[in-house]
Protein backbone atom coordinates (compact mmCIF):
# COMPACT_ATOMS: atom_id res chain seq x y z
CA MET A 1 -50.04 32.53 -59.78
CA GLY A 2 -49.55 34.53 -62.98
CA SER A 3 -51.32 37.76 -63.92
CA PRO A 4 -54.88 37.01 -64.82
CA THR A 5 -55.65 37.16 -68.75
CA ALA A 6 -58.42 39.49 -70.13
CA PRO A 7 -61.10 36.63 -70.28
CA LEU A 8 -60.16 35.82 -66.69
CA TRP A 9 -60.76 39.37 -65.57
CA HIS A 10 -64.30 39.33 -67.25
CA VAL A 11 -65.09 36.03 -65.58
CA SER A 12 -63.93 37.37 -62.30
CA ALA A 13 -66.38 40.34 -62.55
CA GLN A 14 -69.17 37.99 -63.26
CA TYR A 15 -68.42 35.62 -60.30
CA LEU A 16 -68.06 38.88 -58.19
CA LYS A 17 -71.74 39.75 -59.11
CA ILE A 18 -72.91 36.24 -58.59
CA VAL A 19 -71.07 35.79 -55.31
CA THR A 20 -72.84 38.90 -53.84
CA SER A 21 -76.28 37.39 -54.07
CA TYR A 22 -75.09 34.29 -52.01
CA LEU A 23 -73.13 36.19 -49.32
CA LYS A 24 -75.86 36.42 -46.75
CA GLU A 25 -74.97 32.69 -45.90
CA VAL A 26 -71.23 33.09 -46.14
CA SER A 27 -69.22 34.11 -43.22
CA SER A 28 -66.30 36.64 -43.51
CA ASN A 29 -64.06 34.04 -42.50
CA LYS A 30 -64.87 31.78 -45.42
CA ILE A 31 -64.39 34.79 -47.87
CA HIS A 32 -60.89 35.59 -46.35
CA GLY A 33 -60.19 31.83 -46.49
CA ILE A 34 -60.43 31.88 -50.30
CA PHE A 35 -57.13 33.82 -50.25
CA GLY A 36 -55.26 31.26 -48.48
CA SER A 37 -56.41 28.32 -50.81
CA GLU A 38 -53.04 28.25 -52.81
CA ALA A 39 -51.37 27.62 -49.42
CA ARG A 40 -53.98 24.93 -48.46
CA HIS A 41 -53.53 23.25 -51.86
CA GLY A 42 -49.78 23.06 -51.47
CA ASN A 43 -50.13 21.77 -47.80
CA ALA A 44 -52.67 18.92 -48.88
CA MET A 45 -50.42 17.77 -51.56
CA ASP A 46 -47.31 17.92 -49.33
CA GLU A 47 -49.27 15.74 -46.70
CA LEU A 48 -50.22 13.27 -49.10
CA HIS A 49 -46.55 12.89 -50.29
CA GLY A 50 -45.31 12.77 -46.71
CA ALA A 51 -47.97 10.10 -45.64
CA ILE A 52 -47.00 7.89 -48.69
CA ILE A 53 -43.50 8.00 -47.72
CA GLY A 54 -44.21 7.27 -44.01
CA GLY A 55 -46.34 4.33 -45.15
CA THR A 56 -43.48 2.84 -46.95
CA ILE A 57 -41.23 3.21 -44.00
CA LYS A 58 -43.61 1.61 -41.83
CA PHE A 59 -44.17 -1.22 -44.29
CA ALA A 60 -40.39 -1.90 -44.62
CA THR A 61 -40.13 -1.99 -40.74
CA GLY A 62 -43.34 -3.93 -40.24
CA VAL A 63 -42.24 -6.72 -42.75
CA SER A 64 -38.50 -6.77 -41.15
CA THR A 65 -39.85 -6.91 -37.61
CA TRP A 66 -42.56 -9.46 -38.14
CA GLY A 67 -40.65 -11.41 -40.80
CA SER A 68 -37.63 -11.89 -38.59
CA THR A 69 -39.59 -13.91 -36.13
CA PHE A 70 -39.95 -16.75 -38.67
CA VAL A 71 -36.07 -16.74 -39.68
CA ASP A 72 -34.03 -19.48 -38.50
CA ARG A 73 -31.59 -18.02 -35.85
CA PRO A 74 -28.32 -19.46 -37.19
CA LEU A 75 -28.85 -17.24 -40.30
CA GLU A 76 -26.85 -14.02 -40.13
CA PRO A 77 -28.58 -10.68 -41.03
CA SER A 78 -27.17 -9.61 -44.42
CA TYR A 79 -28.43 -6.00 -44.66
CA GLU A 80 -27.82 -2.60 -42.94
CA GLN A 81 -30.84 -1.56 -41.07
CA LEU A 82 -32.09 1.77 -42.89
CA PHE A 83 -35.13 2.58 -40.66
CA GLN A 84 -35.38 2.13 -36.71
CA ARG A 85 -31.56 1.85 -36.38
CA GLU A 86 -32.07 2.38 -32.62
CA ILE A 87 -33.44 -1.33 -32.50
CA SER A 88 -30.68 -3.00 -34.47
CA SER A 89 -28.12 -2.10 -36.82
CA ARG A 90 -28.57 -5.14 -39.06
CA SER A 91 -31.71 -6.57 -40.87
CA TYR A 92 -32.58 -10.00 -42.64
CA PHE A 93 -34.58 -7.85 -45.27
CA ASN A 94 -33.32 -5.37 -47.67
CA GLN A 95 -35.32 -2.50 -46.41
CA LEU A 96 -34.54 -0.26 -49.39
CA LEU A 97 -36.14 -2.91 -51.67
CA LEU A 98 -39.24 -3.17 -49.48
CA ALA A 99 -39.60 0.54 -49.26
CA THR A 100 -39.21 0.88 -53.03
CA GLU A 101 -41.92 -1.95 -53.96
CA ALA A 102 -44.33 -0.37 -51.25
CA ALA A 103 -43.84 3.09 -52.93
CA CYS A 104 -44.76 1.43 -56.41
CA PHE A 105 -47.67 -0.09 -54.92
CA PHE A 106 -49.16 2.93 -53.00
CA LEU A 107 -48.56 5.07 -56.27
CA TYR A 108 -50.56 2.51 -58.21
CA ALA A 109 -53.33 2.68 -55.47
CA LEU A 110 -53.42 6.42 -55.78
CA LYS A 111 -53.71 6.29 -59.42
CA LYS A 112 -56.48 3.89 -59.18
CA LEU A 113 -58.58 5.87 -56.59
CA LEU A 114 -57.93 9.16 -58.54
CA GLN A 115 -60.10 7.81 -61.31
CA ARG A 116 -63.10 8.74 -59.06
CA PHE A 117 -62.17 12.17 -58.83
CA GLY A 118 -62.05 15.71 -60.78
CA SER A 119 -60.69 16.33 -64.13
CA GLU A 120 -57.95 14.63 -66.02
CA ASP A 121 -55.75 17.62 -65.14
CA PHE A 122 -56.49 17.33 -61.63
CA ARG A 123 -55.62 13.58 -61.53
CA THR A 124 -52.42 13.93 -63.67
CA GLU A 125 -51.11 16.76 -61.42
CA THR A 126 -51.76 14.85 -58.21
CA TYR A 127 -50.11 11.55 -59.45
CA ASP A 128 -47.35 13.04 -61.34
CA SER A 129 -46.29 15.35 -58.22
CA SER A 130 -46.62 12.15 -56.07
CA VAL A 131 -44.40 10.23 -58.50
CA ARG A 132 -41.83 12.95 -58.36
CA ALA A 133 -41.75 13.32 -54.55
CA LEU A 134 -41.46 9.51 -54.11
CA ILE A 135 -38.61 9.15 -56.61
CA GLY A 136 -36.82 11.94 -55.06
CA TRP A 137 -37.16 10.31 -51.57
CA LEU A 138 -35.99 6.91 -52.86
CA MET A 139 -33.01 8.23 -54.62
CA GLN A 140 -31.86 10.10 -51.15
CA THR A 141 -32.62 6.76 -49.24
CA ALA A 142 -30.51 4.86 -51.93
CA VAL A 143 -27.73 7.01 -51.32
CA SER A 144 -27.96 6.70 -47.58
CA ALA A 145 -28.06 2.85 -48.12
CA LEU A 146 -25.53 2.38 -50.72
CA GLY A 147 -23.35 5.41 -51.03
CA ARG A 148 -21.50 5.30 -54.32
CA ASP A 149 -23.07 2.05 -55.29
CA SER A 150 -26.48 3.85 -55.62
CA SER A 151 -25.53 5.37 -59.02
CA ALA A 152 -27.52 2.84 -60.92
CA LEU A 153 -30.59 3.46 -58.83
CA ASN A 154 -31.35 6.84 -60.56
CA GLU A 155 -34.45 8.69 -61.55
CA GLU A 156 -34.90 6.77 -64.68
CA ALA A 157 -34.51 3.50 -62.98
CA PHE A 158 -37.21 4.07 -60.44
CA ASP A 159 -39.45 5.63 -62.98
CA ARG A 160 -39.28 2.53 -65.03
CA LEU A 161 -39.80 0.32 -62.12
CA ILE A 162 -42.91 2.32 -61.00
CA LYS A 163 -44.32 1.99 -64.63
CA THR A 164 -43.57 -1.68 -64.92
CA ARG A 165 -45.45 -2.38 -61.55
CA ASP A 166 -48.30 -0.15 -62.58
CA LEU A 167 -48.83 -2.35 -65.72
CA GLU A 168 -48.58 -5.54 -63.69
CA TYR A 169 -51.09 -4.48 -61.06
CA ALA A 170 -53.33 -3.02 -63.45
CA HIS A 171 -54.42 -6.63 -64.54
CA SER A 172 -56.03 -6.93 -61.07
CA PRO A 173 -59.82 -6.27 -60.99
CA THR A 174 -59.54 -4.53 -57.63
CA LEU A 175 -57.04 -3.40 -54.96
CA LEU A 176 -58.48 -5.72 -52.49
CA ASP A 177 -60.88 -8.69 -52.90
CA SER A 178 -63.73 -8.79 -50.47
CA GLY A 179 -64.11 -12.70 -50.91
CA SER A 180 -62.29 -15.36 -48.84
CA ASP A 181 -59.88 -15.84 -51.91
CA ASN A 182 -58.18 -12.43 -52.16
CA GLN A 183 -55.63 -13.77 -54.73
CA ASN A 184 -57.08 -11.69 -57.54
CA GLY A 185 -56.63 -8.31 -55.69
CA ALA A 186 -53.76 -5.95 -56.44
CA VAL A 187 -52.50 -6.28 -52.79
CA TRP A 188 -52.05 -10.12 -53.22
CA VAL A 189 -50.28 -9.64 -56.68
CA ALA A 190 -48.02 -7.10 -55.04
CA SER A 191 -47.24 -9.31 -52.02
CA ARG A 192 -46.40 -12.17 -54.30
CA THR A 193 -44.01 -10.05 -56.34
CA ILE A 194 -42.32 -8.48 -53.13
CA SER A 195 -41.83 -11.82 -51.46
CA ASP A 196 -40.24 -13.41 -54.57
CA GLU A 197 -37.42 -10.69 -54.29
CA VAL A 198 -36.90 -11.49 -50.79
CA SER A 199 -33.38 -13.18 -50.79
CA ILE A 200 -34.33 -15.44 -47.56
CA LYS A 201 -37.63 -16.38 -48.81
CA ASP A 202 -36.90 -20.12 -48.71
CA SER A 203 -36.31 -20.00 -44.85
CA PHE A 204 -40.08 -19.17 -44.56
CA ASP A 205 -41.18 -22.65 -46.09
CA ARG A 206 -42.61 -24.94 -43.67
CA VAL A 207 -44.41 -28.41 -44.01
CA GLY A 208 -47.68 -27.63 -45.67
CA TYR A 209 -46.79 -24.16 -46.51
CA PRO A 210 -44.31 -24.38 -49.56
CA ASN A 211 -43.39 -21.50 -52.05
CA HIS A 212 -42.87 -18.94 -49.19
CA ILE A 213 -46.54 -18.59 -48.78
CA ILE A 214 -46.09 -17.58 -45.06
CA LEU A 215 -43.72 -14.62 -46.18
CA THR A 216 -46.37 -13.59 -48.81
CA GLN A 217 -49.23 -13.54 -46.15
CA ILE A 218 -46.95 -11.28 -43.74
CA VAL A 219 -46.20 -8.97 -46.70
CA SER A 220 -49.87 -9.03 -47.79
CA THR A 221 -51.18 -8.23 -44.08
CA VAL A 222 -48.68 -5.35 -43.52
CA LEU A 223 -49.37 -3.94 -46.90
CA MET A 224 -53.12 -3.85 -46.27
CA LEU A 225 -52.82 -2.30 -43.05
CA GLU A 226 -50.44 0.47 -44.29
CA LEU A 227 -52.82 1.07 -47.26
CA GLU A 228 -55.81 1.49 -44.80
CA ALA A 229 -53.86 3.68 -42.57
CA LEU A 230 -52.93 6.01 -45.59
CA ASP A 231 -56.63 6.71 -46.24
CA LEU A 232 -55.73 7.98 -49.82
CA THR A 233 -59.35 8.69 -50.59
CA ALA A 234 -59.72 11.19 -47.92
CA ARG A 235 -56.41 12.76 -48.83
CA ILE A 236 -57.41 13.00 -52.35
CA GLU A 237 -60.76 14.65 -51.31
CA ARG A 238 -58.69 17.41 -49.34
CA ILE A 239 -56.63 18.17 -52.16
CA SER A 240 -59.68 18.29 -54.50
CA ARG A 241 -61.50 20.70 -52.18
CA ALA A 242 -58.25 22.90 -52.02
CA THR A 243 -57.96 22.92 -55.85
CA ALA A 244 -61.68 24.07 -56.18
CA SER A 245 -60.97 26.84 -53.69
CA GLN A 246 -57.89 27.77 -55.51
CA GLU A 247 -59.72 28.12 -58.74
CA LEU A 248 -62.39 30.07 -57.30
CA GLY A 249 -59.89 32.48 -55.68
CA ALA A 250 -58.25 33.10 -59.18
CA CYS A 251 -61.67 34.30 -60.38
CA PHE A 252 -61.24 37.10 -57.47
CA ALA A 253 -57.75 38.12 -59.02
CA PRO A 254 -58.87 41.75 -59.46
CA ILE A 255 -59.58 42.06 -55.65
CA ILE A 256 -56.82 39.58 -54.47
CA ASP A 257 -54.97 42.40 -52.54
CA ARG A 258 -57.90 43.36 -50.52
CA PRO A 259 -60.43 40.57 -49.67
CA GLN A 260 -62.37 42.90 -47.51
CA ARG A 261 -63.53 44.73 -50.49
CA LEU A 262 -65.60 41.72 -51.24
CA ILE A 263 -67.22 41.69 -47.96
CA ASP A 264 -67.99 45.47 -48.10
CA ILE A 265 -69.44 44.99 -51.51
CA ALA A 266 -71.80 42.38 -50.25
CA LYS A 267 -73.03 44.73 -47.55
CA SER A 268 -73.99 47.42 -50.23
CA THR A 269 -75.02 45.61 -53.18
CA LYS A 270 -78.28 43.71 -53.97
CA LEU A 271 -78.49 41.74 -57.14
CA SER A 272 -82.04 41.93 -58.53
CA ALA A 273 -83.57 39.70 -61.28
CA GLN A 274 -84.92 42.81 -63.02
CA ARG A 275 -81.35 44.23 -63.41
CA THR A 276 -79.78 40.94 -64.43
CA ASP A 277 -79.51 39.83 -68.07
CA GLY A 278 -80.95 36.30 -68.87
CA ALA A 279 -77.36 34.90 -69.05
CA LEU A 280 -76.29 35.99 -65.65
CA LEU A 281 -79.64 35.10 -64.11
CA ALA A 282 -79.42 31.51 -65.34
CA VAL A 283 -76.02 31.12 -63.81
CA ASN A 284 -77.17 32.87 -60.64
CA LYS A 285 -79.99 30.10 -60.35
CA ILE A 286 -77.55 27.44 -60.33
CA PRO A 287 -74.48 27.74 -58.06
CA THR A 288 -71.39 26.45 -59.52
CA PRO A 289 -69.56 23.56 -57.60
CA SER A 290 -66.85 26.13 -56.55
CA MET A 291 -69.62 28.32 -55.18
CA THR A 292 -71.36 25.33 -53.31
CA LEU A 293 -67.82 24.75 -51.84
CA LEU A 294 -67.50 28.38 -50.70
CA ILE A 295 -71.16 28.34 -49.08
CA GLY A 296 -70.80 25.05 -47.62
CA SER A 297 -73.68 23.42 -45.59
């Protein structure tokens, strides 16, 4: 965090006056907690990225494990097992492809759910940082899987695929369809797209179940389970709270080195309406969202 500008110092002084009128309801731990907000913000963002990466791995292994039970046994596995190598060294499925497509879908779901939260800056920061984290991980995974042959799977290639899938899934009205026919939801569209790219999709066809519909159902089920397990809404809420606390902490920049000073001021200062100008009194009567967050329930 850089040095506060002159206007920020002024705002900090105003906030300091306002806060003192509420501090009877605020514990010392909460005040000290403000000054750890930047770390909490970073932790919440890292946890989101880690969860999405974990979800892509679980999706790839889930589809591989479940799908392999439908494959005709004479068929030899064509791919190296990227994940869960302790179980088998070979796989019927291209797990790099599965993980990449799952990452695209989870990023789309994140972008869609972010529309309910915060400012445009908050949404952009959260989504863009997640895209960068996922692309970085996918590039590392590609090198592990393909070695020198991974040169074509660079940052631009992954970014282009993410944007392409985002446009495709955006035509779906919802992530999921609550009705019995869920083929309008983005999960089903993504599952169909992923199934179409599986090299052994035809081996899933059965009498009465053509066009690899069985494989699509498997992919759809695993994708829905992992999306639910991610609980993206709760993770976004944690980042939002950490961001609000971080912004409030910036207002206390003049005393950032000694948070105890705020607590001491609260004990000795009593804000009165008679000594407050109209503008400050108006703000004092209506706590800001950050102030509400600080005070809590």
